[in-house]
Amino acid sequence: MTDIIFGVPAIALTIIAYYQTDRLRFLKINVFAVFFFGMTLLVKNGVTGAMVSFMSVAVYIAAIFLGDEIRKKLSYILPLLAFAISFQSYETNIAELAIKRELLVVLPYLPSVAAFLVTLSALQSRIVTNKLLLMIALFIWASYSFLLMAWFAFAADIIGIFVLVLSLRKIQSQRACMPH
């Protein structure tokens, strides 16, 4: 039941957010999408994933309300902090599973690099840069989900990548129609 309460809105809001061509609208909708993903993880005892999601919500909120200068300064600090927190959390929670699959070397780094890129993405002032960084992060999340055989998360990541591609094409066509 919690999958329906939190998971369905998370996916729907993610699709809507990723398709936005306005940076602030994208960030505002994504606050709710990521919050719902965090809640989905939290009710399934995925405390680490929930923590990373809620950290991303805080970064999105900061990116919405902070000015360009402060956001630019934070883009040097927050992605590294996201990487460190994510790495520490995922490394401890996943070590046993990774040993079973002989992925100990790679697995903890994937969500950490993805968290770094998502955080860096949120702090960008240009929507295209934001979406390109997010797309790279989604490829990494998809790889992580695939390696763990988390097929629902893998499907959500692939759908997210597809929607981002559509959105970037929409932005490109809008720019082509604009007078120079």
N, C-alpha and C. Protein backbone atom coordinates (compact mmCIF):
# COMPACT_ATOMS: atom_id res chain seq x y z
N MET A 1 0.81 -1.20 0.00
CA MET A 1 0.00 0.00 0.00
C MET A 1 0.86 1.26 0.00
N THR A 2 1.98 1.21 0.75
CA THR A 2 2.84 2.40 0.78
C THR A 2 3.48 2.66 -0.58
N ASP A 3 3.67 1.59 -1.40
CA ASP A 3 4.19 1.79 -2.75
C ASP A 3 3.25 2.68 -3.55
N ILE A 4 1.96 2.47 -3.37
CA ILE A 4 0.98 3.27 -4.09
C ILE A 4 0.94 4.68 -3.53
N ILE A 5 0.95 4.81 -2.22
CA ILE A 5 0.85 6.13 -1.58
C ILE A 5 2.06 7.00 -1.91
N PHE A 6 3.25 6.43 -1.88
CA PHE A 6 4.46 7.21 -2.11
C PHE A 6 5.10 6.97 -3.47
N GLY A 7 5.10 5.74 -3.93
CA GLY A 7 5.81 5.40 -5.16
C GLY A 7 5.18 5.96 -6.42
N VAL A 8 3.87 5.84 -6.53
CA VAL A 8 3.19 6.34 -7.73
C VAL A 8 3.35 7.86 -7.87
N PRO A 9 3.08 8.63 -6.80
CA PRO A 9 3.32 10.08 -6.94
C PRO A 9 4.79 10.42 -7.22
N ALA A 10 5.70 9.64 -6.65
CA ALA A 10 7.12 9.89 -6.89
C ALA A 10 7.46 9.77 -8.36
N ILE A 11 7.00 8.70 -8.98
CA ILE A 11 7.29 8.48 -10.39
C ILE A 11 6.57 9.52 -11.26
N ALA A 12 5.29 9.77 -10.97
CA ALA A 12 4.53 10.75 -11.75
C ALA A 12 5.16 12.14 -11.66
N LEU A 13 5.51 12.55 -10.45
CA LEU A 13 6.11 13.87 -10.27
C LEU A 13 7.50 13.95 -10.91
N THR A 14 8.24 12.86 -10.87
CA THR A 14 9.55 12.84 -11.52
C THR A 14 9.41 13.05 -13.02
N ILE A 15 8.48 12.35 -13.62
CA ILE A 15 8.27 12.51 -15.06
C ILE A 15 7.87 13.94 -15.38
N ILE A 16 6.97 14.50 -14.59
CA ILE A 16 6.54 15.89 -14.81
C ILE A 16 7.72 16.85 -14.62
N ALA A 17 8.48 16.65 -13.55
CA ALA A 17 9.62 17.54 -13.26
C ALA A 17 10.66 17.47 -14.36
N TYR A 18 11.02 16.27 -14.77
CA TYR A 18 12.08 16.10 -15.76
C TYR A 18 11.70 16.70 -17.12
N TYR A 19 10.42 16.79 -17.40
CA TYR A 19 9.99 17.33 -18.68
C TYR A 19 9.97 18.86 -18.69
N GLN A 20 10.08 19.49 -17.55
CA GLN A 20 10.04 20.95 -17.48
C GLN A 20 11.23 21.58 -18.19
N THR A 21 10.98 22.71 -18.81
CA THR A 21 12.07 23.46 -19.46
C THR A 21 12.45 24.69 -18.66
N ASP A 22 11.67 25.02 -17.65
CA ASP A 22 11.98 26.13 -16.76
C ASP A 22 12.69 25.58 -15.53
N ARG A 23 13.86 26.13 -15.23
CA ARG A 23 14.70 25.62 -14.15
C ARG A 23 13.98 25.62 -12.79
N LEU A 24 13.35 26.74 -12.43
CA LEU A 24 12.69 26.81 -11.13
C LEU A 24 11.50 25.87 -11.02
N ARG A 25 10.72 25.75 -12.07
CA ARG A 25 9.60 24.83 -12.06
C ARG A 25 10.11 23.40 -11.92
N PHE A 26 11.19 23.09 -12.64
CA PHE A 26 11.82 21.77 -12.54
C PHE A 26 12.22 21.49 -11.09
N LEU A 27 12.91 22.43 -10.46
CA LEU A 27 13.38 22.23 -9.09
C LEU A 27 12.22 22.09 -8.11
N LYS A 28 11.20 22.93 -8.25
CA LYS A 28 10.07 22.90 -7.31
C LYS A 28 9.33 21.57 -7.37
N ILE A 29 9.06 21.09 -8.56
CA ILE A 29 8.35 19.82 -8.69
C ILE A 29 9.23 18.67 -8.21
N ASN A 30 10.52 18.77 -8.49
CA ASN A 30 11.45 17.71 -8.09
C ASN A 30 11.59 17.61 -6.57
N VAL A 31 11.39 18.71 -5.84
CA VAL A 31 11.40 18.66 -4.38
C VAL A 31 10.40 17.61 -3.90
N PHE A 32 9.19 17.67 -4.45
CA PHE A 32 8.14 16.74 -4.03
C PHE A 32 8.41 15.33 -4.54
N ALA A 33 8.90 15.21 -5.77
CA ALA A 33 9.20 13.88 -6.33
C ALA A 33 10.24 13.17 -5.48
N VAL A 34 11.32 13.84 -5.17
CA VAL A 34 12.41 13.23 -4.40
C VAL A 34 11.96 12.96 -2.96
N PHE A 35 11.13 13.85 -2.41
CA PHE A 35 10.59 13.62 -1.08
C PHE A 35 9.78 12.32 -1.05
N PHE A 36 8.91 12.12 -2.05
CA PHE A 36 8.12 10.89 -2.11
C PHE A 36 9.00 9.66 -2.30
N PHE A 37 10.06 9.77 -3.11
CA PHE A 37 10.99 8.65 -3.24
C PHE A 37 11.64 8.35 -1.89
N GLY A 38 12.03 9.40 -1.18
CA GLY A 38 12.62 9.22 0.15
C GLY A 38 11.67 8.53 1.11
N MET A 39 10.40 8.92 1.05
CA MET A 39 9.40 8.29 1.92
C MET A 39 9.21 6.82 1.55
N THR A 40 9.23 6.53 0.25
CA THR A 40 9.12 5.14 -0.20
C THR A 40 10.25 4.30 0.39
N LEU A 41 11.45 4.85 0.35
CA LEU A 41 12.60 4.13 0.89
C LEU A 41 12.52 4.01 2.41
N LEU A 42 12.09 5.08 3.05
CA LEU A 42 12.02 5.09 4.51
C LEU A 42 11.05 4.03 5.03
N VAL A 43 9.87 3.91 4.44
CA VAL A 43 8.90 2.93 4.92
C VAL A 43 9.34 1.50 4.61
N LYS A 44 10.29 1.33 3.70
CA LYS A 44 10.84 0.00 3.38
C LYS A 44 12.16 -0.26 4.12
N ASN A 45 12.44 0.57 5.13
CA ASN A 45 13.66 0.49 5.93
C ASN A 45 14.92 0.78 5.13
N GLY A 46 14.80 1.50 4.06
CA GLY A 46 15.95 1.95 3.29
C GLY A 46 16.42 3.30 3.82
N VAL A 47 16.89 3.29 5.05
CA VAL A 47 17.23 4.52 5.75
C VAL A 47 18.31 5.30 5.01
N THR A 48 19.31 4.61 4.50
CA THR A 48 20.39 5.29 3.80
C THR A 48 19.88 5.99 2.54
N GLY A 49 19.12 5.28 1.75
CA GLY A 49 18.56 5.88 0.55
C GLY A 49 17.63 7.04 0.88
N ALA A 50 16.84 6.88 1.93
CA ALA A 50 15.95 7.96 2.36
C ALA A 50 16.76 9.18 2.78
N MET A 51 17.84 8.95 3.53
CA MET A 51 18.68 10.06 3.97
C MET A 51 19.27 10.81 2.78
N VAL A 52 19.74 10.08 1.79
CA VAL A 52 20.30 10.71 0.59
C VAL A 52 19.20 11.47 -0.14
N SER A 53 18.01 10.91 -0.22
CA SER A 53 16.89 11.60 -0.87
C SER A 53 16.53 12.89 -0.14
N PHE A 54 16.43 12.83 1.18
CA PHE A 54 16.07 14.02 1.94
C PHE A 54 17.16 15.08 1.87
N MET A 55 18.41 14.63 1.79
CA MET A 55 19.52 15.57 1.59
C MET A 55 19.35 16.27 0.24
N SER A 56 18.95 15.52 -0.78
CA SER A 56 18.72 16.10 -2.11
C SER A 56 17.56 17.09 -2.07
N VAL A 57 16.52 16.79 -1.31
CA VAL A 57 15.40 17.73 -1.16
C VAL A 57 15.90 19.05 -0.59
N ALA A 58 16.75 18.98 0.43
CA ALA A 58 17.30 20.20 1.03
C ALA A 58 18.12 20.99 0.01
N VAL A 59 18.90 20.30 -0.80
CA VAL A 59 19.70 20.97 -1.82
C VAL A 59 18.80 21.63 -2.86
N TYR A 60 17.75 20.93 -3.29
CA TYR A 60 16.81 21.51 -4.25
C TYR A 60 16.16 22.77 -3.68
N ILE A 61 15.75 22.72 -2.42
CA ILE A 61 15.13 23.89 -1.78
C ILE A 61 16.13 25.04 -1.73
N ALA A 62 17.37 24.74 -1.36
CA ALA A 62 18.40 25.79 -1.33
C ALA A 62 18.61 26.37 -2.73
N ALA A 63 18.63 25.52 -3.73
CA ALA A 63 18.84 25.98 -5.11
C ALA A 63 17.69 26.87 -5.59
N ILE A 64 16.50 26.65 -5.07
CA ILE A 64 15.35 27.47 -5.45
C ILE A 64 15.46 28.86 -4.85
N PHE A 65 15.85 28.95 -3.58
CA PHE A 65 15.75 30.21 -2.86
C PHE A 65 17.04 31.01 -2.78
N LEU A 66 18.18 30.39 -3.03
CA LEU A 66 19.44 31.12 -2.89
C LEU A 66 19.79 31.84 -4.19
N GLY A 67 20.50 32.95 -4.03
CA GLY A 67 20.94 33.71 -5.19
C GLY A 67 22.08 33.01 -5.92
N ASP A 68 22.37 33.50 -7.11
CA ASP A 68 23.39 32.88 -7.96
C ASP A 68 24.75 32.80 -7.29
N GLU A 69 25.14 33.84 -6.62
CA GLU A 69 26.48 33.89 -6.02
C GLU A 69 26.64 32.84 -4.91
N ILE A 70 25.66 32.76 -4.03
CA ILE A 70 25.72 31.79 -2.93
C ILE A 70 25.62 30.37 -3.50
N ARG A 71 24.74 30.18 -4.47
CA ARG A 71 24.57 28.86 -5.08
C ARG A 71 25.87 28.41 -5.74
N LYS A 72 26.56 29.35 -6.38
CA LYS A 72 27.83 29.03 -7.04
C LYS A 72 28.86 28.58 -6.01
N LYS A 73 28.91 29.28 -4.87
CA LYS A 73 29.86 28.90 -3.81
C LYS A 73 29.51 27.53 -3.23
N LEU A 74 28.22 27.28 -3.05
CA LEU A 74 27.79 25.99 -2.51
C LEU A 74 28.08 24.84 -3.47
N SER A 75 28.14 25.15 -4.76
CA SER A 75 28.40 24.08 -5.73
C SER A 75 29.81 23.53 -5.61
N TYR A 76 30.68 24.22 -4.87
CA TYR A 76 32.02 23.69 -4.61
C TYR A 76 32.05 22.79 -3.38
N ILE A 77 31.08 22.99 -2.47
CA ILE A 77 31.09 22.28 -1.19
C ILE A 77 30.07 21.15 -1.12
N LEU A 78 28.81 21.46 -1.45
CA LEU A 78 27.73 20.49 -1.25
C LEU A 78 27.88 19.19 -2.03
N PRO A 79 28.31 19.23 -3.31
CA PRO A 79 28.47 17.94 -3.99
C PRO A 79 29.50 17.03 -3.32
N LEU A 80 30.58 17.61 -2.82
CA LEU A 80 31.59 16.80 -2.12
C LEU A 80 31.03 16.24 -0.81
N LEU A 81 30.23 17.06 -0.13
CA LEU A 81 29.59 16.61 1.10
C LEU A 81 28.60 15.49 0.80
N ALA A 82 27.84 15.64 -0.28
CA ALA A 82 26.88 14.59 -0.68
C ALA A 82 27.62 13.30 -0.99
N PHE A 83 28.75 13.40 -1.68
CA PHE A 83 29.55 12.22 -2.00
C PHE A 83 30.01 11.54 -0.71
N ALA A 84 30.56 12.32 0.21
CA ALA A 84 31.11 11.74 1.45
C ALA A 84 30.03 11.08 2.29
N ILE A 85 28.89 11.75 2.46
CA ILE A 85 27.81 11.19 3.26
C ILE A 85 27.26 9.94 2.59
N SER A 86 27.04 10.02 1.31
CA SER A 86 26.50 8.88 0.58
C SER A 86 27.46 7.71 0.61
N PHE A 87 28.73 7.96 0.39
CA PHE A 87 29.72 6.88 0.37
C PHE A 87 29.77 6.18 1.72
N GLN A 88 29.83 6.96 2.78
CA GLN A 88 29.90 6.38 4.12
C GLN A 88 28.67 5.53 4.40
N SER A 89 27.51 6.04 4.06
CA SER A 89 26.27 5.33 4.35
C SER A 89 26.13 4.08 3.50
N TYR A 90 26.33 4.20 2.22
CA TYR A 90 26.16 3.05 1.34
C TYR A 90 27.24 2.00 1.56
N GLU A 91 28.45 2.46 1.87
CA GLU A 91 29.54 1.51 2.08
C GLU A 91 29.24 0.56 3.23
N THR A 92 28.70 1.10 4.32
CA THR A 92 28.43 0.24 5.47
C THR A 92 27.21 -0.63 5.25
N ASN A 93 26.18 -0.12 4.61
CA ASN A 93 24.94 -0.89 4.43
C ASN A 93 25.02 -1.94 3.35
N ILE A 94 25.93 -1.79 2.42
CA ILE A 94 25.92 -2.67 1.27
C ILE A 94 27.09 -3.66 1.26
N ALA A 95 27.97 -3.55 2.21
CA ALA A 95 29.18 -4.38 2.20
C ALA A 95 28.86 -5.87 2.13
N GLU A 96 27.88 -6.33 2.91
CA GLU A 96 27.58 -7.76 2.92
C GLU A 96 27.03 -8.22 1.56
N LEU A 97 26.11 -7.47 1.01
CA LEU A 97 25.55 -7.82 -0.30
C LEU A 97 26.63 -7.76 -1.38
N ALA A 98 27.48 -6.76 -1.32
CA ALA A 98 28.52 -6.60 -2.33
C ALA A 98 29.51 -7.75 -2.30
N ILE A 99 29.84 -8.22 -1.12
CA ILE A 99 30.77 -9.35 -1.03
C ILE A 99 30.16 -10.57 -1.71
N LYS A 100 28.87 -10.77 -1.51
CA LYS A 100 28.20 -11.91 -2.13
C LYS A 100 28.26 -11.82 -3.65
N ARG A 101 28.24 -10.62 -4.17
CA ARG A 101 28.23 -10.46 -5.62
C ARG A 101 29.59 -10.01 -6.16
N GLU A 102 30.57 -9.96 -5.29
CA GLU A 102 31.93 -9.56 -5.66
C GLU A 102 31.96 -8.18 -6.31
N LEU A 103 31.16 -7.28 -5.76
CA LEU A 103 31.08 -5.91 -6.28
C LEU A 103 31.55 -4.89 -5.25
N LEU A 104 32.23 -5.35 -4.22
CA LEU A 104 32.63 -4.47 -3.13
C LEU A 104 33.40 -3.25 -3.61
N VAL A 105 34.19 -3.41 -4.63
CA VAL A 105 35.03 -2.31 -5.11
C VAL A 105 34.20 -1.21 -5.75
N VAL A 106 33.19 -1.57 -6.52
CA VAL A 106 32.45 -0.60 -7.32
C VAL A 106 31.19 -0.10 -6.65
N LEU A 107 30.44 -0.97 -6.01
CA LEU A 107 29.09 -0.65 -5.58
C LEU A 107 28.95 0.59 -4.70
N PRO A 108 29.76 0.78 -3.68
CA PRO A 108 29.56 1.96 -2.85
C PRO A 108 29.83 3.28 -3.59
N TYR A 109 30.63 3.22 -4.63
CA TYR A 109 30.96 4.45 -5.36
C TYR A 109 29.84 4.93 -6.26
N LEU A 110 29.07 4.02 -6.80
CA LEU A 110 28.05 4.41 -7.76
C LEU A 110 27.03 5.38 -7.17
N PRO A 111 26.37 5.07 -6.03
CA PRO A 111 25.42 6.04 -5.49
C PRO A 111 26.11 7.31 -5.00
N SER A 112 27.36 7.19 -4.59
CA SER A 112 28.08 8.37 -4.11
C SER A 112 28.37 9.33 -5.26
N VAL A 113 28.81 8.80 -6.39
CA VAL A 113 29.06 9.64 -7.56
C VAL A 113 27.73 10.20 -8.07
N ALA A 114 26.68 9.38 -8.06
CA ALA A 114 25.37 9.86 -8.49
C ALA A 114 24.87 10.98 -7.57
N ALA A 115 25.03 10.82 -6.27
CA ALA A 115 24.63 11.87 -5.32
C ALA A 115 25.41 13.15 -5.56
N PHE A 116 26.70 13.02 -5.84
CA PHE A 116 27.54 14.16 -6.18
C PHE A 116 26.97 14.90 -7.39
N LEU A 117 26.66 14.14 -8.44
CA LEU A 117 26.17 14.75 -9.69
C LEU A 117 24.77 15.35 -9.54
N VAL A 118 23.90 14.69 -8.79
CA VAL A 118 22.56 15.23 -8.56
C VAL A 118 22.66 16.55 -7.80
N THR A 119 23.51 16.58 -6.79
CA THR A 119 23.69 17.81 -6.01
C THR A 119 24.28 18.91 -6.88
N LEU A 120 25.29 18.59 -7.64
CA LEU A 120 25.90 19.57 -8.53
C LEU A 120 24.88 20.05 -9.56
N SER A 121 24.08 19.15 -10.06
CA SER A 121 23.04 19.48 -11.04
C SER A 121 22.06 20.50 -10.47
N ALA A 122 21.60 20.27 -9.26
CA ALA A 122 20.59 21.15 -8.65
C ALA A 122 21.11 22.57 -8.48
N LEU A 123 22.39 22.74 -8.35
CA LEU A 123 22.97 24.05 -8.08
C LEU A 123 23.35 24.83 -9.33
N GLN A 124 23.08 24.27 -10.49
CA GLN A 124 23.41 24.93 -11.75
C GLN A 124 22.38 26.01 -12.07
N SER A 125 22.80 27.04 -12.76
CA SER A 125 21.89 28.13 -13.12
C SER A 125 21.27 27.93 -14.49
N ARG A 126 21.80 27.02 -15.29
CA ARG A 126 21.27 26.76 -16.63
C ARG A 126 20.57 25.40 -16.65
N ILE A 127 19.35 25.40 -17.15
CA ILE A 127 18.54 24.17 -17.16
C ILE A 127 19.19 23.07 -17.99
N VAL A 128 19.86 23.41 -19.09
CA VAL A 128 20.48 22.38 -19.92
C VAL A 128 21.62 21.71 -19.15
N THR A 129 22.45 22.49 -18.50
CA THR A 129 23.54 21.92 -17.69
C THR A 129 22.96 21.06 -16.58
N ASN A 130 21.91 21.57 -15.95
CA ASN A 130 21.23 20.84 -14.89
C ASN A 130 20.79 19.47 -15.38
N LYS A 131 20.13 19.44 -16.52
CA LYS A 131 19.58 18.18 -17.04
C LYS A 131 20.66 17.23 -17.53
N LEU A 132 21.72 17.76 -18.13
CA LEU A 132 22.81 16.88 -18.59
C LEU A 132 23.50 16.20 -17.42
N LEU A 133 23.77 16.95 -16.36
CA LEU A 133 24.38 16.35 -15.17
C LEU A 133 23.44 15.32 -14.53
N LEU A 134 22.16 15.66 -14.49
CA LEU A 134 21.18 14.74 -13.93
C LEU A 134 21.09 13.46 -14.77
N MET A 135 21.18 13.60 -16.08
CA MET A 135 21.12 12.43 -16.95
C MET A 135 22.31 11.50 -16.70
N ILE A 136 23.48 12.06 -16.53
CA ILE A 136 24.65 11.24 -16.21
C ILE A 136 24.43 10.53 -14.87
N ALA A 137 23.89 11.26 -13.90
CA ALA A 137 23.60 10.66 -12.59
C ALA A 137 22.60 9.52 -12.73
N LEU A 138 21.60 9.70 -13.58
CA LEU A 138 20.60 8.63 -13.77
C LEU A 138 21.20 7.40 -14.43
N PHE A 139 22.14 7.60 -15.34
CA PHE A 139 22.84 6.44 -15.92
C PHE A 139 23.57 5.67 -14.82
N ILE A 140 24.16 6.40 -13.89
CA ILE A 140 24.88 5.75 -12.79
C ILE A 140 23.90 5.05 -11.86
N TRP A 141 22.78 5.74 -11.53
CA TRP A 141 21.76 5.09 -10.69
C TRP A 141 21.21 3.85 -11.37
N ALA A 142 20.99 3.93 -12.68
CA ALA A 142 20.48 2.77 -13.42
C ALA A 142 21.47 1.61 -13.35
N SER A 143 22.75 1.91 -13.47
CA SER A 143 23.78 0.87 -13.35
C SER A 143 23.74 0.23 -11.97
N TYR A 144 23.63 1.06 -10.95
CA TYR A 144 23.55 0.60 -9.57
C TYR A 144 22.32 -0.30 -9.38
N SER A 145 21.18 0.17 -9.85
CA SER A 145 19.94 -0.60 -9.73
C SER A 145 20.05 -1.92 -10.48
N PHE A 146 20.65 -1.89 -11.65
CA PHE A 146 20.84 -3.11 -12.44
C PHE A 146 21.72 -4.11 -11.69
N LEU A 147 22.83 -3.64 -11.14
CA LEU A 147 23.74 -4.53 -10.43
C LEU A 147 23.08 -5.16 -9.20
N LEU A 148 22.17 -4.41 -8.57
CA LEU A 148 21.47 -4.94 -7.40
C LEU A 148 20.19 -5.68 -7.79
N MET A 149 19.91 -5.70 -9.08
CA MET A 149 18.68 -6.31 -9.59
C MET A 149 17.44 -5.66 -8.98
N ALA A 150 17.52 -4.36 -8.78
CA ALA A 150 16.38 -3.57 -8.30
C ALA A 150 15.64 -3.07 -9.54
N TRP A 151 14.79 -3.92 -10.08
CA TRP A 151 14.21 -3.67 -11.40
C TRP A 151 13.26 -2.49 -11.43
N PHE A 152 12.52 -2.25 -10.35
CA PHE A 152 11.61 -1.09 -10.29
C PHE A 152 12.42 0.20 -10.37
N ALA A 153 13.48 0.28 -9.59
CA ALA A 153 14.34 1.47 -9.60
C ALA A 153 15.03 1.61 -10.96
N PHE A 154 15.48 0.49 -11.51
CA PHE A 154 16.12 0.52 -12.83
C PHE A 154 15.16 1.07 -13.89
N ALA A 155 13.92 0.59 -13.86
CA ALA A 155 12.92 1.07 -14.83
C ALA A 155 12.66 2.56 -14.64
N ALA A 156 12.56 3.01 -13.40
CA ALA A 156 12.33 4.43 -13.12
C ALA A 156 13.49 5.27 -13.64
N ASP A 157 14.72 4.78 -13.48
CA ASP A 157 15.89 5.51 -13.99
C ASP A 157 15.88 5.59 -15.51
N ILE A 158 15.55 4.51 -16.16
CA ILE A 158 15.50 4.50 -17.63
C ILE A 158 14.40 5.43 -18.14
N ILE A 159 13.24 5.39 -17.49
CA ILE A 159 12.16 6.32 -17.86
C ILE A 159 12.62 7.75 -17.65
N GLY A 160 13.30 8.02 -16.54
CA GLY A 160 13.82 9.36 -16.26
C GLY A 160 14.78 9.83 -17.34
N ILE A 161 15.67 8.96 -17.78
CA ILE A 161 16.62 9.31 -18.84
C ILE A 161 15.86 9.65 -20.12
N PHE A 162 14.88 8.82 -20.46
CA PHE A 162 14.08 9.04 -21.66
C PHE A 162 13.36 10.40 -21.60
N VAL A 163 12.75 10.72 -20.46
CA VAL A 163 12.04 11.99 -20.30
C VAL A 163 13.03 13.16 -20.37
N LEU A 164 14.20 13.01 -19.80
CA LEU A 164 15.21 14.09 -19.89
C LEU A 164 15.63 14.32 -21.33
N VAL A 165 15.80 13.26 -22.10
CA VAL A 165 16.14 13.40 -23.51
C VAL A 165 15.04 14.16 -24.25
N LEU A 166 13.79 13.77 -23.99
CA LEU A 166 12.66 14.48 -24.61
C LEU A 166 12.65 15.96 -24.23
N SER A 167 12.91 16.22 -22.97
CA SER A 167 12.93 17.60 -22.49
C SER A 167 14.05 18.41 -23.13
N LEU A 168 15.23 17.82 -23.26
CA LEU A 168 16.35 18.52 -23.90
C LEU A 168 16.05 18.80 -25.37
N ARG A 169 15.38 17.86 -26.01
CA ARG A 169 14.97 18.08 -27.41
C ARG A 169 13.95 19.21 -27.49
N LYS A 170 13.05 19.27 -26.51
CA LYS A 170 12.05 20.34 -26.47
C LYS A 170 12.74 21.70 -26.29
N ILE A 171 13.71 21.75 -25.39
CA ILE A 171 14.47 22.98 -25.18
C ILE A 171 15.18 23.39 -26.47
N GLN A 172 15.80 22.42 -27.11
CA GLN A 172 16.53 22.69 -28.37
C GLN A 172 15.58 23.24 -29.43
N SER A 173 14.40 22.67 -29.56
CA SER A 173 13.45 23.15 -30.57
C SER A 173 12.91 24.52 -30.20
N GLN A 174 12.74 24.80 -28.92
CA GLN A 174 12.29 26.12 -28.48
C GLN A 174 13.34 27.18 -28.83
N ARG A 175 14.59 26.82 -28.61
CA ARG A 175 15.67 27.76 -28.93
C ARG A 175 15.80 27.98 -30.43
N ALA A 176 15.54 26.95 -31.21
CA ALA A 176 15.63 27.08 -32.68
C ALA A 176 14.54 28.01 -33.20
N CYS A 177 13.42 28.07 -32.51
CA CYS A 177 12.31 28.93 -32.92
C CYS A 177 12.47 30.36 -32.48
N MET A 178 13.39 30.61 -31.54
CA MET A 178 13.58 31.97 -31.01
C MET A 178 14.35 32.82 -32.01
N PRO A 179 13.95 34.09 -32.13
CA PRO A 179 14.69 34.99 -33.04
C PRO A 179 16.08 35.28 -32.47
N HIS A 180 17.05 35.39 -33.34
CA HIS A 180 18.43 35.62 -32.89
C HIS A 180 18.66 37.04 -32.70
